PDB file of N, CA and C in Angstrom:
ATOM      1  N   MET A   1      51.554   2.463 -30.684  1.00  0.00           N
ATOM      2  CA  MET A   1      50.375   3.405 -30.137  1.00  0.00           C
ATOM      3  C   MET A   1      50.057   4.067 -29.058  1.00  0.00           C
ATOM      4  N   GLY A   2      49.132   4.877 -29.015  1.00  0.00           N
ATOM      5  CA  GLY A   2      49.415   5.797 -27.894  1.00  0.00           C
ATOM      6  C   GLY A   2      48.514   5.084 -26.734  1.00  0.00           C
ATOM      7  N   ARG A   3      48.684   5.276 -25.873  1.00  0.00           N
ATOM      8  CA  ARG A   3      47.815   5.274 -24.468  1.00  0.00           C
ATOM      9  C   ARG A   3      46.282   5.739 -24.529  1.00  0.00           C
ATOM     10  N   THR A   4      45.307   4.878 -24.238  1.00  0.00           N
ATOM     11  CA  THR A   4      43.980   5.641 -24.234  1.00  0.00           C
ATOM     12  C   THR A   4      43.831   6.136 -22.820  1.00  0.00           C
ATOM     13  N   ASN A   5      42.523   6.948 -22.900  1.00  0.00           N
ATOM     14  CA  ASN A   5      42.077   7.694 -21.485  1.00  0.00           C
ATOM     15  C   ASN A   5      41.655   6.530 -20.723  1.00  0.00           C
ATOM     16  N   PRO A   6      41.475   6.488 -19.433  1.00  0.00           N
ATOM     17  CA  PRO A   6      40.624   5.748 -18.759  1.00  0.00           C
ATOM     18  C   PRO A   6      39.451   5.622 -19.049  1.00  0.00           C
ATOM     19  N   THR A   7      38.049   5.236 -19.223  1.00  0.00           N
ATOM     20  CA  THR A   7      36.980   5.950 -19.333  1.00  0.00           C
ATOM     21  C   THR A   7      36.024   6.260 -18.018  1.00  0.00           C
ATOM     22  N   TYR A   8      35.087   6.684 -17.939  1.00  0.00           N
ATOM     23  CA  TYR A   8      34.218   7.116 -16.809  1.00  0.00           C
ATOM     24  C   TYR A   8      33.888   6.182 -16.121  1.00  0.00           C
ATOM     25  N   ARG A   9      33.511   4.890 -16.771  1.00  0.00           N
ATOM     26  CA  ARG A   9      33.159   3.717 -15.946  1.00  0.00           C
ATOM     27  C   ARG A   9      34.216   3.189 -15.201  1.00  0.00           C
ATOM     28  N   ASP A  10      35.296   3.239 -15.482  1.00  0.00           N
ATOM     29  CA  ASP A  10      36.673   2.861 -15.269  1.00  0.00           C
ATOM     30  C   ASP A  10      37.026   3.867 -14.052  1.00  0.00           C
ATOM     31  N   ALA A  11      36.718   4.874 -13.753  1.00  0.00           N
ATOM     32  CA  ALA A  11      37.255   5.880 -13.217  1.00  0.00           C
ATOM     33  C   ALA A  11      36.305   5.585 -11.690  1.00  0.00           C
ATOM     34  N   LEU A  12      35.005   5.403 -12.321  1.00  0.00           N
ATOM     35  CA  LEU A  12      34.078   4.632 -11.037  1.00  0.00           C
ATOM     36  C   LEU A  12      34.314   3.409 -10.176  1.00  0.00           C
ATOM     37  N   ARG A  13      35.026   2.398 -11.300  1.00  0.00           N
ATOM     38  CA  ARG A  13      35.020   1.472 -10.618  1.00  0.00           C
ATOM     39  C   ARG A  13      35.930   1.733  -9.753  1.00  0.00           C
ATOM     40  N   VAL A  14      37.111   2.527  -9.765  1.00  0.00           N
ATOM     41  CA  VAL A  14      38.214   2.657  -8.892  1.00  0.00           C
ATOM     42  C   VAL A  14      37.944   3.289  -7.660  1.00  0.00           C
ATOM     43  N   ILE A  15      36.897   4.373  -7.703  1.00  0.00           N
ATOM     44  CA  ILE A  15      36.219   5.169  -6.849  1.00  0.00           C
ATOM     45  C   ILE A  15      35.582   3.791  -5.812  1.00  0.00           C
ATOM     46  N   GLU A  16      34.945   3.194  -6.447  1.00  0.00           N
ATOM     47  CA  GLU A  16      33.926   2.055  -5.570  1.00  0.00           C
ATOM     48  C   GLU A  16      35.150   1.188  -4.793  1.00  0.00           C
ATOM     49  N   GLU A  17      36.227   0.963  -5.461  1.00  0.00           N
ATOM     50  CA  GLU A  17      37.179   0.171  -4.612  1.00  0.00           C
ATOM     51  C   GLU A  17      38.017   0.647  -3.889  1.00  0.00           C
ATOM     52  N   ARG A  18      38.123   2.180  -3.997  1.00  0.00           N
ATOM     53  CA  ARG A  18      38.755   2.933  -2.797  1.00  0.00           C
ATOM     54  C   ARG A  18      38.055   2.861  -1.594  1.00  0.00           C
ATOM     55  N   TRP A  19      36.830   3.073  -1.745  1.00  0.00           N
ATOM     56  CA  TRP A  19      35.860   2.661  -0.844  1.00  0.00           C
ATOM     57  C   TRP A  19      35.338   1.165  -0.071  1.00  0.00           C
ATOM     58  N   SER A  20      36.094   0.330  -0.976  1.00  0.00           N
ATOM     59  CA  SER A  20      35.293  -0.814  -0.391  1.00  0.00           C
ATOM     60  C   SER A  20      35.797  -1.213   1.205  1.00  0.00           C
ATOM     61  N   ASP A  21      36.824  -0.470   1.728  1.00  0.00           N
ATOM     62  CA  ASP A  21      36.764  -0.868   3.457  1.00  0.00           C
ATOM     63  C   ASP A  21      35.714  -0.170   4.045  1.00  0.00           C
ATOM     64  N   PHE A  22      35.650   1.023   3.493  1.00  0.00           N
ATOM     65  CA  PHE A  22      34.205   1.660   4.174  1.00  0.00           C
ATOM     66  C   PHE A  22      32.804   1.048   4.139  1.00  0.00           C
ATOM     67  N   ARG A  23      32.848   0.447   3.278  1.00  0.00           N
ATOM     68  CA  ARG A  23      31.716  -0.460   2.887  1.00  0.00           C
ATOM     69  C   ARG A  23      31.639  -1.412   3.782  1.00  0.00           C
ATOM     70  N   ARG A  24      32.728  -2.292   3.745  1.00  0.00           N
ATOM     71  CA  ARG A  24      32.669  -3.439   4.841  1.00  0.00           C
ATOM     72  C   ARG A  24      32.950  -3.079   6.310  1.00  0.00           C
ATOM     73  N   ALA A  25      33.175  -1.864   6.859  1.00  0.00           N
ATOM     74  CA  ALA A  25      32.782  -1.242   7.608  1.00  0.00           C
ATOM     75  C   ALA A  25      31.679  -1.146   8.131  1.00  0.00           C
ATOM     76  N   LEU A  26      30.375  -1.068   6.846  1.00  0.00           N
ATOM     77  CA  LEU A  26      28.924  -0.675   7.752  1.00  0.00           C
ATOM     78  C   LEU A  26      28.388  -1.696   8.157  1.00  0.00           C
ATOM     79  N   ARG A  27      27.427  -1.521   8.669  1.00  0.00           N
ATOM     80  CA  ARG A  27      26.549  -2.506   9.038  1.00  0.00           C
ATOM     81  C   ARG A  27      25.800  -3.254   8.297  1.00  0.00           C
ATOM     82  N   ARG A  28      25.628  -4.624   7.979  1.00  0.00           N
ATOM     83  CA  ARG A  28      25.194  -5.484   7.038  1.00  0.00           C
ATOM     84  C   ARG A  28      23.872  -4.831   6.616  1.00  0.00           C
ATOM     85  N   ARG A  29      23.229  -4.178   7.376  1.00  0.00           N
ATOM     86  CA  ARG A  29      21.581  -3.637   6.853  1.00  0.00           C
ATOM     87  C   ARG A  29      22.231  -2.549   6.022  1.00  0.00           C
ATOM     88  N   ASP A  30      23.423  -1.605   6.196  1.00  0.00           N
ATOM     89  CA  ASP A  30      23.479  -0.612   5.282  1.00  0.00           C
ATOM     90  C   ASP A  30      24.369  -0.638   4.178  1.00  0.00           C
ATOM     91  N   GLN A  31      24.892  -1.790   3.652  1.00  0.00           N
ATOM     92  CA  GLN A  31      25.605  -2.490   2.768  1.00  0.00           C
ATOM     93  C   GLN A  31      24.922  -2.446   1.372  1.00  0.00           C
ATOM     94  N   PRO A  32      24.090  -3.210   1.348  1.00  0.00           N
ATOM     95  CA  PRO A  32      23.089  -2.786   0.106  1.00  0.00           C
ATOM     96  C   PRO A  32      22.542  -1.396  -0.541  1.00  0.00           C
ATOM     97  N   ARG A  33      22.382  -0.593   0.806  1.00  0.00           N
ATOM     98  CA  ARG A  33      22.189   0.804   0.162  1.00  0.00           C
ATOM     99  C   ARG A  33      23.459   1.422  -0.416  1.00  0.00           C
ATOM    100  N   PHE A  34      24.835   1.126   0.284  1.00  0.00           N
ATOM    101  CA  PHE A  34      25.856   1.921  -0.276  1.00  0.00           C
ATOM    102  C   PHE A  34      25.992   0.960  -1.488  1.00  0.00           C
ATOM    103  N   ASP A  35      25.918  -0.062  -2.070  1.00  0.00           N
ATOM    104  CA  ASP A  35      25.586  -0.539  -3.220  1.00  0.00           C
ATOM    105  C   ASP A  35      25.006   0.182  -3.966  1.00  0.00           C
ATOM    106  N   ARG A  36      23.695   0.504  -3.796  1.00  0.00           N
ATOM    107  CA  ARG A  36      22.767   0.903  -4.502  1.00  0.00           C
ATOM    108  C   ARG A  36      23.266   2.425  -5.051  1.00  0.00           C
ATOM    109  N   LEU A  37      23.691   3.072  -4.366  1.00  0.00           N
ATOM    110  CA  LEU A  37      24.226   4.446  -4.459  1.00  0.00           C
ATOM    111  C   LEU A  37      25.587   4.472  -5.803  1.00  0.00           C
ATOM    112  N   PHE A  38      26.294   3.412  -5.801  1.00  0.00           N
ATOM    113  CA  PHE A  38      27.129   3.124  -6.893  1.00  0.00           C
ATOM    114  C   PHE A  38      26.361   2.872  -8.112  1.00  0.00           C
ATOM    115  N   GLU A  39      25.121   1.949  -8.065  1.00  0.00           N
ATOM    116  CA  GLU A  39      24.500   1.812  -8.859  1.00  0.00           C
ATOM    117  C   GLU A  39      23.839   3.084  -9.831  1.00  0.00           C
ATOM    118  N   TYR A  40      23.325   3.724  -8.737  1.00  0.00           N
ATOM    119  CA  TYR A  40      22.721   5.094  -9.214  1.00  0.00           C
ATOM    120  C   TYR A  40      23.878   5.797  -9.951  1.00  0.00           C
ATOM    121  N   ALA A  41      25.037   6.072  -9.613  1.00  0.00           N
ATOM    122  CA  ALA A  41      26.274   6.504 -10.286  1.00  0.00           C
ATOM    123  C   ALA A  41      26.260   5.912 -11.969  1.00  0.00           C
ATOM    124  N   ARG A  42      26.232   4.532 -11.934  1.00  0.00           N
ATOM    125  CA  ARG A  42      26.419   3.765 -12.904  1.00  0.00           C
ATOM    126  C   ARG A  42      25.286   4.115 -13.820  1.00  0.00           C
ATOM    127  N   GLU A  43      24.116   4.324 -13.389  1.00  0.00           N
ATOM    128  CA  GLU A  43      22.751   4.636 -14.033  1.00  0.00           C
ATOM    129  C   GLU A  43      23.782   5.874 -15.370  1.00  0.00           C
ATOM    130  N   HIS A  44      24.189   6.830 -14.555  1.00  0.00           N
ATOM    131  CA  HIS A  44      24.830   8.022 -15.564  1.00  0.00           C
ATOM    132  C   HIS A  44      25.764   8.241 -15.683  1.00  0.00           C
ATOM    133  N   ALA A  45      26.642   7.439 -15.824  1.00  0.00           N
ATOM    134  CA  ALA A  45      27.705   7.201 -16.444  1.00  0.00           C
ATOM    135  C   ALA A  45      28.254   7.700 -17.847  1.00  0.00           C
ATOM    136  N   ASP A  46      27.144   7.420 -18.699  1.00  0.00           N
ATOM    137  CA  ASP A  46      27.414   8.083 -19.764  1.00  0.00           C
ATOM    138  C   ASP A  46      27.023   9.753 -20.285  1.00  0.00           C
ATOM    139  N   ALA A  47      26.402  10.396 -19.319  1.00  0.00           N
ATOM    140  CA  ALA A  47      26.453  11.298 -18.976  1.00  0.00           C
ATOM    141  C   ALA A  47      27.805  12.050 -18.208  1.00  0.00           C
ATOM    142  N   SER A  48      28.087  11.758 -17.206  1.00  0.00           N
ATOM    143  CA  SER A  48      29.467  11.691 -16.503  1.00  0.00           C
ATOM    144  C   SER A  48      30.487  12.018 -17.280  1.00  0.00           C
ATOM    145  N   GLY A  49      30.804  10.868 -18.430  1.00  0.00           N
ATOM    146  CA  GLY A  49      31.566  10.519 -18.912  1.00  0.00           C
ATOM    147  C   GLY A  49      31.943  11.659 -20.301  1.00  0.00           C
ATOM    148  N   LEU A  50      30.819  12.424 -20.868  1.00  0.00           N
ATOM    149  CA  LEU A  50      30.711  13.196 -21.370  1.00  0.00           C
ATOM    150  C   LEU A  50      31.145  14.519 -20.566  1.00  0.00           C
ATOM    151  N   LEU A  51      31.153  14.845 -19.371  1.00  0.00           N
ATOM    152  CA  LEU A  51      31.579  15.581 -18.562  1.00  0.00           C
ATOM    153  C   LEU A  51      32.992  15.673 -18.588  1.00  0.00           C
ATOM    154  N   ASN A  52      33.583  14.417 -18.431  1.00  0.00           N
ATOM    155  CA  ASN A  52      35.211  14.880 -18.695  1.00  0.00           C
ATOM    156  C   ASN A  52      35.352  15.959 -17.106  1.00  0.00           C
ATOM    157  N   HIS A  53      35.203  15.472 -16.078  1.00  0.00           N
ATOM    158  CA  HIS A  53      35.383  16.497 -15.119  1.00  0.00           C
ATOM    159  C   HIS A  53      36.651  15.886 -14.656  1.00  0.00           C
ATOM    160  N   GLN A  54      37.430  16.585 -13.774  1.00  0.00           N
ATOM    161  CA  GLN A  54      38.842  16.449 -13.720  1.00  0.00           C
ATOM    162  C   GLN A  54      38.881  15.491 -11.911  1.00  0.00           C
ATOM    163  N   ASN A  55      37.508  15.789 -11.303  1.00  0.00           N
ATOM    164  CA  ASN A  55      37.324  14.639  -9.974  1.00  0.00           C
ATOM    165  C   ASN A  55      36.345  13.794 -10.669  1.00  0.00           C
ATOM    166  N   PRO A  56      36.411  12.849 -10.931  1.00  0.00           N
ATOM    167  CA  PRO A  56      35.146  11.909 -11.249  1.00  0.00           C
ATOM    168  C   PRO A  56      34.046  11.514 -10.299  1.00  0.00           C
ATOM    169  N   LEU A  57      34.551  12.039  -8.968  1.00  0.00           N
ATOM    170  CA  LEU A  57      33.633  11.462  -7.782  1.00  0.00           C
ATOM    171  C   LEU A  57      32.417  12.772  -7.733  1.00  0.00           C
ATOM    172  N   LEU A  58      32.609  14.189  -8.382  1.00  0.00           N
ATOM    173  CA  LEU A  58      31.666  14.997  -8.450  1.00  0.00           C
ATOM    174  C   LEU A  58      30.550  14.678  -9.111  1.00  0.00           C
ATOM    175  N   PRO A  59      30.719  13.786 -10.430  1.00  0.00           N
ATOM    176  CA  PRO A  59      29.573  13.876 -11.069  1.00  0.00           C
ATOM    177  C   PRO A  59      28.819  12.543 -10.523  1.00  0.00           C
ATOM    178  N   ALA A  60      29.704  11.491  -9.852  1.00  0.00           N
ATOM    179  CA  ALA A  60      29.247  10.507  -9.582  1.00  0.00           C
ATOM    180  C   ALA A  60      27.969  10.873  -8.430  1.00  0.00           C
ATOM    181  N   LEU A  61      28.676  11.817  -7.732  1.00  0.00           N
ATOM    182  CA  LEU A  61      27.555  12.466  -6.065  1.00  0.00           C
ATOM    183  C   LEU A  61      26.410  13.319  -7.299  1.00  0.00           C
ATOM    184  N   PHE A  62      26.772  13.577  -8.125  1.00  0.00           N
ATOM    185  CA  PHE A  62      25.195  14.254  -8.697  1.00  0.00           C
ATOM    186  C   PHE A  62      24.693  13.481  -9.310  1.00  0.00           C
ATOM    187  N   SER A  63      24.848  12.265  -9.826  1.00  0.00           N
ATOM    188  CA  SER A  63      24.243  11.191 -10.351  1.00  0.00           C
ATOM    189  C   SER A  63      23.710  10.673  -9.425  1.00  0.00           C
ATOM    190  N   ILE A  64      24.228  10.245  -8.016  1.00  0.00           N
ATOM    191  CA  ILE A  64      23.223   9.845  -7.357  1.00  0.00           C
ATOM    192  C   ILE A  64      22.266  10.520  -6.516  1.00  0.00           C
ATOM    193  N   HIS A  65      22.355  11.763  -6.465  1.00  0.00           N
ATOM    194  CA  HIS A  65      21.670  12.719  -6.270  1.00  0.00           C
ATOM    195  C   HIS A  65      19.904  13.038  -6.975  1.00  0.00           C
ATOM    196  N   LEU A  66      20.753  13.045  -8.150  1.00  0.00           N
ATOM    197  CA  LEU A  66      19.714  12.892  -9.317  1.00  0.00           C
ATOM    198  C   LEU A  66      18.742  11.878  -9.097  1.00  0.00           C
ATOM    199  N   GLU A  67      19.452  10.277  -9.160  1.00  0.00           N
ATOM    200  CA  GLU A  67      18.638   9.451  -8.719  1.00  0.00           C
ATOM    201  C   GLU A  67      17.413   9.384  -7.747  1.00  0.00           C
ATOM    202  N   GLN A  68      18.063   9.998  -6.267  1.00  0.00           N
ATOM    203  CA  GLN A  68      17.348  10.054  -5.231  1.00  0.00           C
ATOM    204  C   GLN A  68      16.338  11.304  -5.530  1.00  0.00           C
ATOM    205  N   GLU A  69      16.625  12.370  -5.984  1.00  0.00           N
ATOM    206  CA  GLU A  69      15.278  12.827  -6.288  1.00  0.00           C
ATOM    207  C   GLU A  69      14.291  12.490  -7.052  1.00  0.00           C
ATOM    208  N   THR A  70      14.789  11.768  -8.202  1.00  0.00           N
ATOM    209  CA  THR A  70      13.781  10.751  -8.928  1.00  0.00           C
ATOM    210  C   THR A  70      12.815  10.138  -8.293  1.00  0.00           C
ATOM    211  N   ARG A  71      13.469   9.285  -7.032  1.00  0.00           N
ATOM    212  CA  ARG A  71      12.768   8.539  -6.030  1.00  0.00           C
ATOM    213  C   ARG A  71      11.879   9.060  -5.175  1.00  0.00           C
ATOM    214  N   LEU A  72      11.987  10.415  -4.794  1.00  0.00           N
ATOM    215  CA  LEU A  72      11.299  11.352  -3.965  1.00  0.00           C
ATOM    216  C   LEU A  72      10.340  11.505  -4.926  1.00  0.00           C
ATOM    217  N   ASP A  73      10.424  12.021  -6.126  1.00  0.00           N
ATOM    218  CA  ASP A  73       9.454  12.346  -6.729  1.00  0.00           C
ATOM    219  C   ASP A  73       8.216  11.354  -7.119  1.00  0.00           C
ATOM    220  N   ASP A  74       8.695  10.169  -7.390  1.00  0.00           N
ATOM    221  CA  ASP A  74       7.640   8.938  -7.234  1.00  0.00           C
ATOM    222  C   ASP A  74       7.124   8.448  -5.905  1.00  0.00           C
ATOM    223  N   HIS A  75       7.697   8.764  -5.138  1.00  0.00           N
ATOM    224  CA  HIS A  75       7.002   8.407  -3.894  1.00  0.00           C
ATOM    225  C   HIS A  75       6.118   9.914  -3.595  1.00  0.00           C
ATOM    226  N   GLU A  76       6.404  10.690  -3.893  1.00  0.00           N
ATOM    227  CA  GLU A  76       5.064  12.033  -3.613  1.00  0.00           C
ATOM    228  C   GLU A  76       4.349  11.556  -4.443  1.00  0.00           C
ATOM    229  N   GLU A  77       4.263  11.247  -5.457  1.00  0.00           N
ATOM    230  CA  GLU A  77       3.235  11.156  -6.523  1.00  0.00           C
ATOM    231  C   GLU A  77       2.361  10.065  -5.926  1.00  0.00           C
ATOM    232  N   ARG A  78       2.967   8.557  -5.659  1.00  0.00           N
ATOM    233  CA  ARG A  78       2.462   7.288  -5.080  1.00  0.00           C
ATOM    234  C   ARG A  78       1.790   8.502  -4.215  1.00  0.00           C
ATOM    235  N   LEU A  79       2.238   9.035  -2.978  1.00  0.00           N
ATOM    236  CA  LEU A  79       1.498   9.462  -1.731  1.00  0.00           C
ATOM    237  C   LEU A  79       0.370  10.246  -2.232  1.00  0.00           C
ATOM    238  N   ASN A  80       0.326  11.273  -3.126  1.00  0.00           N
ATOM    239  CA  ASN A  80      -0.623  12.026  -3.473  1.00  0.00           C
ATOM    240  C   ASN A  80      -1.816  10.962  -3.762  1.00  0.00           C
ATOM    241  N   GLU A  81      -1.235  10.032  -4.685  1.00  0.00           N
ATOM    242  CA  GLU A  81      -2.509   9.065  -5.237  1.00  0.00           C
ATOM    243  C   GLU A  81      -3.190   8.606  -4.030  1.00  0.00           C
ATOM    244  N   LEU A  82      -2.446   7.491  -3.040  1.00  0.00           N
ATOM    245  CA  LEU A  82      -2.982   7.295  -1.939  1.00  0.00           C
ATOM    246  C   LEU A  82      -3.713   8.438  -1.402  1.00  0.00           C
ATOM    247  N   GLU A  83      -3.342   9.363  -1.010  1.00  0.00           N
ATOM    248  CA  GLU A  83      -4.054  10.694  -0.409  1.00  0.00           C
ATOM    249  C   GLU A  83      -5.692  10.726  -0.777  1.00  0.00           C
ATOM    250  N   ALA A  84      -5.690  11.061  -2.224  1.00  0.00           N
ATOM    251  CA  ALA A  84      -6.593  10.977  -3.059  1.00  0.00           C
ATOM    252  C   ALA A  84      -7.740   9.674  -3.104  1.00  0.00           C
ATOM    253  N   ALA A  85      -7.180   8.633  -2.710  1.00  0.00           N
ATOM    254  CA  ALA A  85      -7.898   7.647  -2.533  1.00  0.00           C
ATOM    255  C   ALA A  85      -8.538   7.386  -1.576  1.00  0.00           C
ATOM    256  N   VAL A  86      -7.730   7.752  -0.490  1.00  0.00           N
ATOM    257  CA  VAL A  86      -8.416   7.712   1.042  1.00  0.00           C
ATOM    258  C   VAL A  86      -9.545   8.721   1.265  1.00  0.00           C
ATOM    259  N   ALA A  87      -9.667   9.797   0.583  1.00  0.00           N
ATOM    260  CA  ALA A  87     -10.251  10.980   0.624  1.00  0.00           C
ATOM    261  C   ALA A  87     -11.627  10.608   0.053  1.00  0.00           C
ATOM    262  N   ALA A  88     -11.530   9.985  -1.276  1.00  0.00           N
ATOM    263  CA  ALA A  88     -12.590   9.795  -1.962  1.00  0.00           C
ATOM    264  C   ALA A  88     -13.462   8.587  -1.155  1.00  0.00           C
ATOM    265  N   ASN A  89     -12.725   7.403  -0.344  1.00  0.00           N
ATOM    266  CA  ASN A  89     -13.058   6.864   0.476  1.00  0.00           C
ATOM    267  C   ASN A  89     -14.020   7.236   1.540  1.00  0.00           C
ATOM    268  N   ASP A  90     -13.355   8.240   2.066  1.00  0.00           N
ATOM    269  CA  ASP A  90     -13.886   8.971   3.188  1.00  0.00           C
ATOM    270  C   ASP A  90     -15.488   9.562   2.697  1.00  0.00           C
ATOM    271  N   ASP A  91     -15.272  10.292   1.363  1.00  0.00           N
ATOM    272  CA  ASP A  91     -16.306  11.289   1.064  1.00  0.00           C
ATOM    273  C   ASP A  91     -17.427  10.374   0.870  1.00  0.00           C
ATOM    274  N   GLN A  92     -17.353   8.887   0.244  1.00  0.00           N
ATOM    275  CA  GLN A  92     -17.897   7.997  -0.042  1.00  0.00           C
ATOM    276  C   GLN A  92     -18.900   7.368   1.502  1.00  0.00           C
ATOM    277  N   GLU A  93     -17.915   7.255   2.197  1.00  0.00           N
ATOM    278  CA  GLU A  93     -18.587   6.738   3.673  1.00  0.00           C
ATOM    279  C   GLU A  93     -19.595   7.962   4.321  1.00  0.00           C
ATOM    280  N   ALA A  94     -19.347   9.253   4.105  1.00  0.00           N
ATOM    281  CA  ALA A  94     -19.650  10.161   4.489  1.00  0.00           C
ATOM    282  C   ALA A  94     -21.107  10.554   3.719  1.00  0.00           C
ATOM    283  N   ALA A  95     -21.198  10.110   2.746  1.00  0.00           N
ATOM    284  CA  ALA A  95     -22.733  10.480   2.120  1.00  0.00           C
ATOM    285  C   ALA A  95     -23.589   9.737   2.500  1.00  0.00           C
ATOM    286  N   PRO A  96     -24.843  10.397   2.541  1.00  0.00           N
ATOM    287  CA  PRO A  96     -25.982   9.924   3.093  1.00  0.00           C
ATOM    288  C   PRO A  96     -26.845   8.640   2.524  1.00  0.00           C
ATOM    289  N   PRO A  97     -27.235   7.588   2.876  1.00  0.00           N
ATOM    290  CA  PRO A  97     -27.833   6.840   1.681  1.00  0.00           C
ATOM    291  C   PRO A  97     -28.868   7.092   1.214  1.00  0.00           C
ATOM    292  N   ASP A  98     -28.789   5.929  -0.107  1.00  0.00           N
ATOM    293  CA  ASP A  98     -29.848   6.785  -0.905  1.00  0.00           C
ATOM    294  C   ASP A  98     -31.522   6.874  -0.483  1.00  0.00           C
ATOM    295  N   SER A  99     -32.301   7.706  -0.338  1.00  0.00           N
ATOM    296  CA  SER A  99     -33.765   7.743  -0.120  1.00  0.00           C
ATOM    297  C   SER A  99     -34.564   7.175  -0.812  1.00  0.00           C
ATOM    298  N   ASN A 100     -33.957   6.140  -2.109  1.00  0.00           N
ATOM    299  CA  ASN A 100     -34.944   5.951  -3.074  1.00  0.00           C
ATOM    300  C   ASN A 100     -35.338   4.515  -3.135  1.00  0.00           C
ATOM    301  N   SER A 101     -35.010   3.723  -1.988  1.00  0.00           N
ATOM    302  CA  SER A 101     -35.245   2.247  -1.771  1.00  0.00           C
ATOM    303  C   SER A 101     -36.630   2.100  -0.900  1.00  0.00           C
TER     304      SER A 101
END
């Protein structure tokens, strides 16, 4: 039997292990953020594996960036909704009362 190539997920696990000392040196408040970045990379492991890039860190970084872009889009959409709600509330407060009473 021949050897099998390691999967992208295996390569990503190795990268995360290499960065473990860095993670340990981070402030405690930043460690969950660090972990989240690798979660983002794992979210796109299927696509990254299909790329079969010689440096597995590059698809991981791109995956992280893609997830952060998604989060930014979600935050911008929510901000627009909140601004619209505030503007609608301001318009209601500025409207003159009905004189039909």
